[in-house]
């Protein structure tokens, strides 16, 4: 039974997975400030994945190379700190 639930969770969108993760942290009593900080960073990652892989990207499609590509993208940026609106609104 648990295995089927795990499989179902892997088929959700990356954005939905992020929201589930942040909701779980809130129910565990994590600091709202920490959750907001993490939400901002995960939005950068989500925007990068959407830009490079498309909108229909699922959690099961994530690879280590996606993470490496994101880190490389961050390291190659000329402008170190973007406004979150620059990332999300585009």
Protein backbone atom coordinates (compact mmCIF):
# COMPACT_ATOMS: atom_id res chain seq x y z
CA UNK A 1 0.00 0.00 0.00
CA UNK A 2 2.76 2.46 0.93
CA UNK A 3 4.57 1.65 -2.28
CA UNK A 4 1.55 2.71 -4.36
CA UNK A 5 1.34 5.98 -2.42
CA UNK A 6 5.02 6.66 -3.11
CA UNK A 7 4.50 5.94 -6.80
CA UNK A 8 1.52 8.33 -6.88
CA UNK A 9 3.55 11.07 -5.21
CA UNK A 10 6.31 10.69 -7.78
CA UNK A 11 3.82 11.41 -10.57
CA UNK A 12 2.80 14.83 -9.28
CA UNK A 13 4.10 18.08 -10.69
CA UNK A 14 7.21 19.64 -9.23
CA UNK A 15 5.24 22.68 -8.06
CA UNK A 16 2.70 20.49 -6.27
CA UNK A 17 5.52 18.51 -4.62
CA UNK A 18 7.10 21.74 -3.39
CA UNK A 19 3.82 22.90 -1.88
CA UNK A 20 3.30 19.52 -0.18
CA UNK A 21 6.82 19.65 1.23
CA UNK A 22 6.36 23.18 2.57
CA UNK A 23 2.98 22.27 4.07
CA UNK A 24 4.56 19.30 5.81
CA UNK A 25 7.26 21.53 7.28
CA UNK A 26 4.57 23.88 8.59
CA UNK A 27 2.69 21.03 10.27
CA UNK A 28 5.96 19.86 11.83
CA UNK A 29 6.30 23.26 13.48
CA UNK A 30 9.15 24.63 11.41
CA UNK A 31 9.64 28.38 11.51
CA UNK A 32 7.46 30.35 9.06
CA UNK A 33 10.54 32.41 8.25
CA UNK A 34 12.48 29.28 7.29
CA UNK A 35 9.56 28.01 5.20
CA UNK A 36 9.36 31.34 3.33
CA UNK A 37 13.12 31.27 2.75
CA UNK A 38 12.91 27.73 1.40
CA UNK A 39 9.86 28.58 -0.75
CA UNK A 40 11.83 31.36 -2.43
CA UNK A 41 14.77 29.09 -3.24
CA UNK A 42 12.54 26.29 -4.49
CA UNK A 43 10.73 28.75 -6.76
CA UNK A 44 14.05 29.54 -8.41
CA UNK A 45 14.62 25.82 -8.96
CA UNK A 46 11.06 25.28 -10.20
CA UNK A 47 11.34 28.20 -12.62
CA UNK A 48 14.63 26.81 -13.94
CA UNK A 49 13.11 23.37 -14.47
CA UNK A 50 10.05 24.86 -16.17
CA UNK A 51 12.32 26.90 -18.45
CA UNK A 52 14.59 23.98 -19.36
CA UNK A 53 12.24 20.98 -19.21
CA UNK A 54 8.76 22.37 -19.84
CA UNK A 55 5.63 22.91 -17.80
CA UNK A 56 4.49 19.28 -17.54
CA UNK A 57 7.56 18.17 -15.61
CA UNK A 58 6.89 15.55 -12.91
CA UNK A 59 8.90 14.70 -9.81
CA UNK A 60 9.66 11.25 -11.27
CA UNK A 61 11.45 12.99 -14.16
CA UNK A 62 14.03 14.68 -11.90
CA UNK A 63 17.60 13.52 -12.25
CA UNK A 64 20.88 14.34 -10.59
CA UNK A 65 21.85 16.09 -13.81
CA UNK A 66 18.90 18.47 -13.40
CA UNK A 67 20.29 19.46 -10.01
CA UNK A 68 23.79 19.84 -11.42
CA UNK A 69 22.50 21.94 -14.30
CA UNK A 70 20.70 24.21 -11.85
CA UNK A 71 23.83 24.66 -9.72
CA UNK A 72 25.85 25.40 -12.87
CA UNK A 73 23.19 27.93 -13.91
CA UNK A 74 23.45 29.66 -10.53
CA UNK A 75 27.24 29.76 -10.67
CA UNK A 76 27.29 31.17 -14.22
CA UNK A 77 24.92 34.07 -13.53
CA UNK A 78 26.32 37.56 -13.80
CA UNK A 79 23.58 39.04 -11.63
CA UNK A 80 23.78 37.13 -8.36
CA UNK A 81 20.47 38.12 -6.82
CA UNK A 82 17.36 38.35 -8.96
CA UNK A 83 14.04 39.56 -7.72
CA UNK A 84 11.71 36.61 -7.39
CA UNK A 85 9.29 38.40 -9.73
CA UNK A 86 11.97 38.29 -12.46
CA UNK A 87 11.94 34.51 -12.23
CA UNK A 88 8.26 33.76 -11.68
CA UNK A 89 6.60 36.39 -13.85
CA UNK A 90 8.52 35.53 -17.02
